[in-house]
Amino acid sequence: MENCRKIGKIQNVGYGFGGYQGAMFGIGFILGSDKEGWEVGDFWGFWGANTKHTDNCKWTEEERIKFHGENTLRISKLLID
């Protein structure tokens, strides 16, 4: 299948838990066209959002705060654009 551009509408936007098995925290989008019968989704999020940090975690609390901040800035830029 070759790359193509299609114009659709925002079908749904959700902020909170989602992504793989609902275990990530971020924002999800579904874009599509009812007329043409297609839709595509994307989720901007990260792991560890709903997990207390323990010694076994592969992330630090500082990294979690950084990811929350980066995701919030990305959403802010999207809304401004």
PDB file of N, CA and C in Angstrom:
ATOM      1  N   MET A   1       0.856  -1.184   0.000  1.00  0.00           N
ATOM      2  CA  MET A   1       0.000   0.000   0.000  1.00  0.00           C
ATOM      3  C   MET A   1       0.895   1.237   0.000  1.00  0.00           C
ATOM      4  N   GLU A   2       0.623   2.135  -0.886  1.00  0.00           N
ATOM      5  CA  GLU A   2       1.431   3.352  -0.962  1.00  0.00           C
ATOM      6  C   GLU A   2       0.903   4.400   0.008  1.00  0.00           C
ATOM      7  N   ASN A   3       1.778   5.344   0.368  1.00  0.00           N
ATOM      8  CA  ASN A   3       1.377   6.427   1.255  1.00  0.00           C
ATOM      9  C   ASN A   3       0.381   7.330   0.544  1.00  0.00           C
ATOM     10  N   CYS A   4      -0.630   7.751   1.283  1.00  0.00           N
ATOM     11  CA  CYS A   4      -1.607   8.670   0.705  1.00  0.00           C
ATOM     12  C   CYS A   4      -2.106   9.587   1.810  1.00  0.00           C
ATOM     13  N   ARG A   5      -2.693  10.688   1.401  1.00  0.00           N
ATOM     14  CA  ARG A   5      -3.278  11.641   2.330  1.00  0.00           C
ATOM     15  C   ARG A   5      -4.786  11.560   2.211  1.00  0.00           C
ATOM     16  N   LYS A   6      -5.440  11.560   3.345  1.00  0.00           N
ATOM     17  CA  LYS A   6      -6.898  11.582   3.355  1.00  0.00           C
ATOM     18  C   LYS A   6      -7.336  12.641   4.345  1.00  0.00           C
ATOM     19  N   ILE A   7      -8.436  13.271   4.055  1.00  0.00           N
ATOM     20  CA  ILE A   7      -8.981  14.281   4.944  1.00  0.00           C
ATOM     21  C   ILE A   7     -10.152  13.659   5.681  1.00  0.00           C
ATOM     22  N   GLY A   8     -10.100  13.747   6.988  1.00  0.00           N
ATOM     23  CA  GLY A   8     -11.170  13.225   7.823  1.00  0.00           C
ATOM     24  C   GLY A   8     -11.471  14.198   8.943  1.00  0.00           C
ATOM     25  N   LYS A   9     -12.338  13.781   9.825  1.00  0.00           N
ATOM     26  CA  LYS A   9     -12.714  14.611  10.969  1.00  0.00           C
ATOM     27  C   LYS A   9     -12.276  13.924  12.251  1.00  0.00           C
ATOM     28  N   ILE A  10     -12.139  14.719  13.302  1.00  0.00           N
ATOM     29  CA  ILE A  10     -11.857  14.153  14.613  1.00  0.00           C
ATOM     30  C   ILE A  10     -13.125  13.425  15.066  1.00  0.00           C
ATOM     31  N   GLN A  11     -12.987  12.129  15.296  1.00  0.00           N
ATOM     32  CA  GLN A  11     -14.123  11.321  15.743  1.00  0.00           C
ATOM     33  C   GLN A  11     -14.193  11.278  17.271  1.00  0.00           C
ATOM     34  N   ASN A  12     -13.001  11.246  17.911  1.00  0.00           N
ATOM     35  CA  ASN A  12     -12.957  11.110  19.358  1.00  0.00           C
ATOM     36  C   ASN A  12     -11.593  11.554  19.872  1.00  0.00           C
ATOM     37  N   VAL A  13     -11.581  12.194  21.037  1.00  0.00           N
ATOM     38  CA  VAL A  13     -10.353  12.545  21.735  1.00  0.00           C
ATOM     39  C   VAL A  13     -10.579  12.195  23.198  1.00  0.00           C
ATOM     40  N   GLY A  14      -9.603  11.534  23.789  1.00  0.00           N
ATOM     41  CA  GLY A  14      -9.707  11.182  25.200  1.00  0.00           C
ATOM     42  C   GLY A  14      -8.404  11.447  25.923  1.00  0.00           C
ATOM     43  N   TYR A  15      -8.497  11.960  27.137  1.00  0.00           N
ATOM     44  CA  TYR A  15      -7.311  12.235  27.946  1.00  0.00           C
ATOM     45  C   TYR A  15      -7.424  11.420  29.221  1.00  0.00           C
ATOM     46  N   GLY A  16      -6.419  10.635  29.483  1.00  0.00           N
ATOM     47  CA  GLY A  16      -6.429   9.797  30.680  1.00  0.00           C
ATOM     48  C   GLY A  16      -5.707   8.494  30.387  1.00  0.00           C
ATOM     49  N   PHE A  17      -6.202   7.418  30.964  1.00  0.00           N
ATOM     50  CA  PHE A  17      -5.571   6.119  30.753  1.00  0.00           C
ATOM     51  C   PHE A  17      -5.996   5.535  29.421  1.00  0.00           C
ATOM     52  N   GLY A  18      -5.050   4.966  28.708  1.00  0.00           N
ATOM     53  CA  GLY A  18      -5.320   4.384  27.401  1.00  0.00           C
ATOM     54  C   GLY A  18      -4.072   3.707  26.885  1.00  0.00           C
ATOM     55  N   GLY A  19      -3.915   3.696  25.576  1.00  0.00           N
ATOM     56  CA  GLY A  19      -2.755   3.039  24.991  1.00  0.00           C
ATOM     57  C   GLY A  19      -2.837   1.539  25.155  1.00  0.00           C
ATOM     58  N   TYR A  20      -1.709   0.881  25.181  1.00  0.00           N
ATOM     59  CA  TYR A  20      -1.651  -0.571  25.263  1.00  0.00           C
ATOM     60  C   TYR A  20      -2.284  -1.070  26.562  1.00  0.00           C
ATOM     61  N   GLN A  21      -3.348  -1.826  26.452  1.00  0.00           N
ATOM     62  CA  GLN A  21      -4.091  -2.416  27.568  1.00  0.00           C
ATOM     63  C   GLN A  21      -4.535  -1.379  28.595  1.00  0.00           C
ATOM     64  N   GLY A  22      -4.694  -0.130  28.175  1.00  0.00           N
ATOM     65  CA  GLY A  22      -5.148   0.928  29.073  1.00  0.00           C
ATOM     66  C   GLY A  22      -4.182   1.215  30.212  1.00  0.00           C
ATOM     67  N   ALA A  23      -2.920   0.832  30.047  1.00  0.00           N
ATOM     68  CA  ALA A  23      -1.943   0.962  31.120  1.00  0.00           C
ATOM     69  C   ALA A  23      -1.074   2.202  30.988  1.00  0.00           C
ATOM     70  N   MET A  24      -1.316   3.007  29.974  1.00  0.00           N
ATOM     71  CA  MET A  24      -0.520   4.215  29.769  1.00  0.00           C
ATOM     72  C   MET A  24      -1.389   5.421  30.117  1.00  0.00           C
ATOM     73  N   PHE A  25      -0.758   6.568  30.305  1.00  0.00           N
ATOM     74  CA  PHE A  25      -1.485   7.797  30.583  1.00  0.00           C
ATOM     75  C   PHE A  25      -1.112   8.822  29.531  1.00  0.00           C
ATOM     76  N   GLY A  26      -2.111   9.456  28.932  1.00  0.00           N
ATOM     77  CA  GLY A  26      -1.833  10.447  27.905  1.00  0.00           C
ATOM     78  C   GLY A  26      -3.102  10.875  27.204  1.00  0.00           C
ATOM     79  N   ILE A  27      -2.968  11.136  25.907  1.00  0.00           N
ATOM     80  CA  ILE A  27      -4.105  11.600  25.119  1.00  0.00           C
ATOM     81  C   ILE A  27      -4.206  10.739  23.856  1.00  0.00           C
ATOM     82  N   GLY A  28      -5.418  10.352  23.531  1.00  0.00           N
ATOM     83  CA  GLY A  28      -5.659   9.524  22.355  1.00  0.00           C
ATOM     84  C   GLY A  28      -6.586  10.222  21.387  1.00  0.00           C
ATOM     85  N   PHE A  29      -6.363   9.972  20.099  1.00  0.00           N
ATOM     86  CA  PHE A  29      -7.154  10.589  19.028  1.00  0.00           C
ATOM     87  C   PHE A  29      -7.658   9.515  18.084  1.00  0.00           C
ATOM     88  N   ILE A  30      -8.858   9.686  17.598  1.00  0.00           N
ATOM     89  CA  ILE A  30      -9.352   8.861  16.494  1.00  0.00           C
ATOM     90  C   ILE A  30      -9.848   9.820  15.429  1.00  0.00           C
ATOM     91  N   LEU A  31      -9.261   9.714  14.242  1.00  0.00           N
ATOM     92  CA  LEU A  31      -9.650  10.518  13.089  1.00  0.00           C
ATOM     93  C   LEU A  31     -10.257   9.587  12.058  1.00  0.00           C
ATOM     94  N   GLY A  32     -11.240  10.071  11.315  1.00  0.00           N
ATOM     95  CA  GLY A  32     -11.821   9.205  10.303  1.00  0.00           C
ATOM     96  C   GLY A  32     -12.830   9.902   9.422  1.00  0.00           C
ATOM     97  N   SER A  33     -13.399   9.100   8.543  1.00  0.00           N
ATOM     98  CA  SER A  33     -14.414   9.575   7.612  1.00  0.00           C
ATOM     99  C   SER A  33     -15.560   8.573   7.578  1.00  0.00           C
ATOM    100  N   ASP A  34     -16.737   9.017   7.990  1.00  0.00           N
ATOM    101  CA  ASP A  34     -17.910   8.140   7.924  1.00  0.00           C
ATOM    102  C   ASP A  34     -18.264   7.808   6.480  1.00  0.00           C
ATOM    103  N   LYS A  35     -18.104   8.788   5.582  1.00  0.00           N
ATOM    104  CA  LYS A  35     -18.444   8.577   4.166  1.00  0.00           C
ATOM    105  C   LYS A  35     -17.581   7.508   3.520  1.00  0.00           C
ATOM    106  N   GLU A  36     -16.259   7.571   3.814  1.00  0.00           N
ATOM    107  CA  GLU A  36     -15.328   6.647   3.174  1.00  0.00           C
ATOM    108  C   GLU A  36     -15.096   5.384   3.997  1.00  0.00           C
ATOM    109  N   GLY A  37     -15.589   5.358   5.221  1.00  0.00           N
ATOM    110  CA  GLY A  37     -15.483   4.165   6.048  1.00  0.00           C
ATOM    111  C   GLY A  37     -14.081   3.841   6.550  1.00  0.00           C
ATOM    112  N   TRP A  38     -13.325   4.832   6.949  1.00  0.00           N
ATOM    113  CA  TRP A  38     -11.993   4.577   7.501  1.00  0.00           C
ATOM    114  C   TRP A  38     -11.799   5.375   8.769  1.00  0.00           C
ATOM    115  N   GLU A  39     -10.876   4.906   9.610  1.00  0.00           N
ATOM    116  CA  GLU A  39     -10.455   5.671  10.775  1.00  0.00           C
ATOM    117  C   GLU A  39      -9.056   5.236  11.175  1.00  0.00           C
ATOM    118  N   VAL A  40      -8.364   6.126  11.857  1.00  0.00           N
ATOM    119  CA  VAL A  40      -7.007   5.864  12.333  1.00  0.00           C
ATOM    120  C   VAL A  40      -6.872   6.495  13.705  1.00  0.00           C
ATOM    121  N   GLY A  41      -6.112   5.854  14.578  1.00  0.00           N
ATOM    122  CA  GLY A  41      -5.945   6.379  15.925  1.00  0.00           C
ATOM    123  C   GLY A  41      -4.482   6.535  16.290  1.00  0.00           C
ATOM    124  N   ASP A  42      -4.247   7.374  17.279  1.00  0.00           N
ATOM    125  CA  ASP A  42      -2.902   7.574  17.812  1.00  0.00           C
ATOM    126  C   ASP A  42      -3.045   7.854  19.300  1.00  0.00           C
ATOM    127  N   PHE A  43      -2.033   7.470  20.069  1.00  0.00           N
ATOM    128  CA  PHE A  43      -2.042   7.722  21.502  1.00  0.00           C
ATOM    129  C   PHE A  43      -0.676   8.254  21.899  1.00  0.00           C
ATOM    130  N   TRP A  44      -0.652   9.417  22.529  1.00  0.00           N
ATOM    131  CA  TRP A  44       0.596   9.995  23.036  1.00  0.00           C
ATOM    132  C   TRP A  44       0.595   9.758  24.539  1.00  0.00           C
ATOM    133  N   GLY A  45       1.418   8.855  25.007  1.00  0.00           N
ATOM    134  CA  GLY A  45       1.429   8.562  26.424  1.00  0.00           C
ATOM    135  C   GLY A  45       2.704   7.870  26.842  1.00  0.00           C
ATOM    136  N   PHE A  46       2.716   7.398  28.075  1.00  0.00           N
ATOM    137  CA  PHE A  46       3.901   6.740  28.614  1.00  0.00           C
ATOM    138  C   PHE A  46       3.495   5.777  29.713  1.00  0.00           C
ATOM    139  N   TRP A  47       4.388   4.852  29.995  1.00  0.00           N
ATOM    140  CA  TRP A  47       4.193   3.862  31.048  1.00  0.00           C
ATOM    141  C   TRP A  47       4.534   4.482  32.393  1.00  0.00           C
ATOM    142  N   GLY A  48       4.067   3.872  33.443  1.00  0.00           N
ATOM    143  CA  GLY A  48       4.448   4.290  34.786  1.00  0.00           C
ATOM    144  C   GLY A  48       3.590   5.400  35.357  1.00  0.00           C
ATOM    145  N   ALA A  49       2.585   5.817  34.637  1.00  0.00           N
ATOM    146  CA  ALA A  49       1.773   6.936  35.102  1.00  0.00           C
ATOM    147  C   ALA A  49       0.904   6.548  36.292  1.00  0.00           C
ATOM    148  N   ASN A  50       0.464   5.314  36.329  1.00  0.00           N
ATOM    149  CA  ASN A  50      -0.444   4.904  37.390  1.00  0.00           C
ATOM    150  C   ASN A  50       0.199   3.882  38.329  1.00  0.00           C
ATOM    151  N   THR A  51       1.527   3.845  38.334  1.00  0.00           N
ATOM    152  CA  THR A  51       2.257   2.872  39.129  1.00  0.00           C
ATOM    153  C   THR A  51       3.127   3.589  40.145  1.00  0.00           C
ATOM    154  N   LYS A  52       3.072   3.140  41.391  1.00  0.00           N
ATOM    155  CA  LYS A  52       3.975   3.700  42.403  1.00  0.00           C
ATOM    156  C   LYS A  52       5.385   3.237  42.111  1.00  0.00           C
ATOM    157  N   HIS A  53       6.314   4.122  42.291  1.00  0.00           N
ATOM    158  CA  HIS A  53       7.714   3.771  42.038  1.00  0.00           C
ATOM    159  C   HIS A  53       8.215   2.814  43.116  1.00  0.00           C
ATOM    160  N   THR A  54       8.902   1.770  42.681  1.00  0.00           N
ATOM    161  CA  THR A  54       9.567   0.834  43.592  1.00  0.00           C
ATOM    162  C   THR A  54      10.998   0.664  43.112  1.00  0.00           C
ATOM    163  N   ASP A  55      11.787  -0.046  43.893  1.00  0.00           N
ATOM    164  CA  ASP A  55      13.180  -0.298  43.498  1.00  0.00           C
ATOM    165  C   ASP A  55      13.280  -1.133  42.226  1.00  0.00           C
ATOM    166  N   ASN A  56      12.212  -1.853  41.871  1.00  0.00           N
ATOM    167  CA  ASN A  56      12.221  -2.702  40.675  1.00  0.00           C
ATOM    168  C   ASN A  56      11.832  -1.961  39.398  1.00  0.00           C
ATOM    169  N   CYS A  57      11.371  -0.720  39.518  1.00  0.00           N
ATOM    170  CA  CYS A  57      10.970   0.049  38.336  1.00  0.00           C
ATOM    171  C   CYS A  57      12.195   0.394  37.480  1.00  0.00           C
ATOM    172  N   LYS A  58      11.953   0.446  36.175  1.00  0.00           N
ATOM    173  CA  LYS A  58      13.033   0.822  35.257  1.00  0.00           C
ATOM    174  C   LYS A  58      12.980   2.309  34.942  1.00  0.00           C
ATOM    175  N   TRP A  59      12.208   3.078  35.712  1.00  0.00           N
ATOM    176  CA  TRP A  59      12.117   4.517  35.539  1.00  0.00           C
ATOM    177  C   TRP A  59      12.190   5.160  36.921  1.00  0.00           C
ATOM    178  N   THR A  60      12.571   6.418  36.935  1.00  0.00           N
ATOM    179  CA  THR A  60      12.653   7.160  38.195  1.00  0.00           C
ATOM    180  C   THR A  60      11.451   8.092  38.314  1.00  0.00           C
ATOM    181  N   GLU A  61      11.208   8.565  39.502  1.00  0.00           N
ATOM    182  CA  GLU A  61      10.129   9.533  39.715  1.00  0.00           C
ATOM    183  C   GLU A  61      10.405  10.809  38.935  1.00  0.00           C
ATOM    184  N   GLU A  62      11.664  11.199  38.815  1.00  0.00           N
ATOM    185  CA  GLU A  62      12.027  12.385  38.034  1.00  0.00           C
ATOM    186  C   GLU A  62      11.685  12.184  36.554  1.00  0.00           C
ATOM    187  N   GLU A  63      11.930  10.984  36.041  1.00  0.00           N
ATOM    188  CA  GLU A  63      11.580  10.700  34.640  1.00  0.00           C
ATOM    189  C   GLU A  63      10.071  10.753  34.443  1.00  0.00           C
ATOM    190  N   ARG A  64       9.316  10.239  35.415  1.00  0.00           N
ATOM    191  CA  ARG A  64       7.854  10.270  35.313  1.00  0.00           C
ATOM    192  C   ARG A  64       7.355  11.708  35.251  1.00  0.00           C
ATOM    193  N   ILE A  65       7.894  12.579  36.105  1.00  0.00           N
ATOM    194  CA  ILE A  65       7.510  13.992  36.103  1.00  0.00           C
ATOM    195  C   ILE A  65       7.894  14.631  34.769  1.00  0.00           C
ATOM    196  N   LYS A  66       9.077  14.293  34.259  1.00  0.00           N
ATOM    197  CA  LYS A  66       9.537  14.820  32.970  1.00  0.00           C
ATOM    198  C   LYS A  66       8.587  14.406  31.842  1.00  0.00           C
ATOM    199  N   PHE A  67       8.171  13.129  31.815  1.00  0.00           N
ATOM    200  CA  PHE A  67       7.264  12.641  30.766  1.00  0.00           C
ATOM    201  C   PHE A  67       5.906  13.335  30.849  1.00  0.00           C
ATOM    202  N   HIS A  68       5.394  13.527  32.081  1.00  0.00           N
ATOM    203  CA  HIS A  68       4.130  14.260  32.236  1.00  0.00           C
ATOM    204  C   HIS A  68       4.270  15.667  31.655  1.00  0.00           C
ATOM    205  N   GLY A  69       5.369  16.337  31.972  1.00  0.00           N
ATOM    206  CA  GLY A  69       5.602  17.692  31.476  1.00  0.00           C
ATOM    207  C   GLY A  69       5.725  17.749  29.968  1.00  0.00           C
ATOM    208  N   GLU A  70       6.492  16.833  29.381  1.00  0.00           N
ATOM    209  CA  GLU A  70       6.669  16.811  27.922  1.00  0.00           C
ATOM    210  C   GLU A  70       5.340  16.556  27.219  1.00  0.00           C
ATOM    211  N   ASN A  71       4.541  15.638  27.754  1.00  0.00           N
ATOM    212  CA  ASN A  71       3.250  15.336  27.141  1.00  0.00           C
ATOM    213  C   ASN A  71       2.314  16.535  27.234  1.00  0.00           C
ATOM    214  N   THR A  72       2.327  17.212  28.378  1.00  0.00           N
ATOM    215  CA  THR A  72       1.485  18.397  28.548  1.00  0.00           C
ATOM    216  C   THR A  72       1.902  19.510  27.593  1.00  0.00           C
ATOM    217  N   LEU A  73       3.200  19.720  27.421  1.00  0.00           N
ATOM    218  CA  LEU A  73       3.681  20.729  26.471  1.00  0.00           C
ATOM    219  C   LEU A  73       3.291  20.362  25.039  1.00  0.00           C
ATOM    220  N   ARG A  74       3.340  19.085  24.692  1.00  0.00           N
ATOM    221  CA  ARG A  74       2.958  18.643  23.347  1.00  0.00           C
ATOM    222  C   ARG A  74       1.475  18.918  23.092  1.00  0.00           C
ATOM    223  N   ILE A  75       0.648  18.647  24.100  1.00  0.00           N
ATOM    224  CA  ILE A  75      -0.790  18.916  23.975  1.00  0.00           C
ATOM    225  C   ILE A  75      -1.035  20.417  23.880  1.00  0.00           C
ATOM    226  N   SER A  76      -0.330  21.204  24.674  1.00  0.00           N
ATOM    227  CA  SER A  76      -0.461  22.653  24.633  1.00  0.00           C
ATOM    228  C   SER A  76      -0.134  23.194  23.236  1.00  0.00           C
ATOM    229  N   LYS A  77       0.960  22.695  22.650  1.00  0.00           N
ATOM    230  CA  LYS A  77       1.351  23.129  21.298  1.00  0.00           C
ATOM    231  C   LYS A  77       0.281  22.760  20.282  1.00  0.00           C
ATOM    232  N   LEU A  78      -0.276  21.558  20.412  1.00  0.00           N
ATOM    233  CA  LEU A  78      -1.344  21.124  19.504  1.00  0.00           C
ATOM    234  C   LEU A  78      -2.535  22.062  19.588  1.00  0.00           C
ATOM    235  N   LEU A  79      -2.935  22.425  20.796  1.00  0.00           N
ATOM    236  CA  LEU A  79      -4.089  23.318  20.955  1.00  0.00           C
ATOM    237  C   LEU A  79      -3.810  24.710  20.412  1.00  0.00           C
ATOM    238  N   ILE A  80      -2.589  25.190  20.592  1.00  0.00           N
ATOM    239  CA  ILE A  80      -2.223  26.512  20.058  1.00  0.00           C
ATOM    240  C   ILE A  80      -2.221  26.486  18.526  1.00  0.00           C
ATOM    241  N   ASP A  81      -1.630  25.425  17.955  1.00  0.00           N
ATOM    242  CA  ASP A  81      -1.582  25.307  16.486  1.00  0.00           C
ATOM    243  C   ASP A  81      -2.977  25.192  15.912  1.00  0.00           C
TER     244      ASP A  81
END
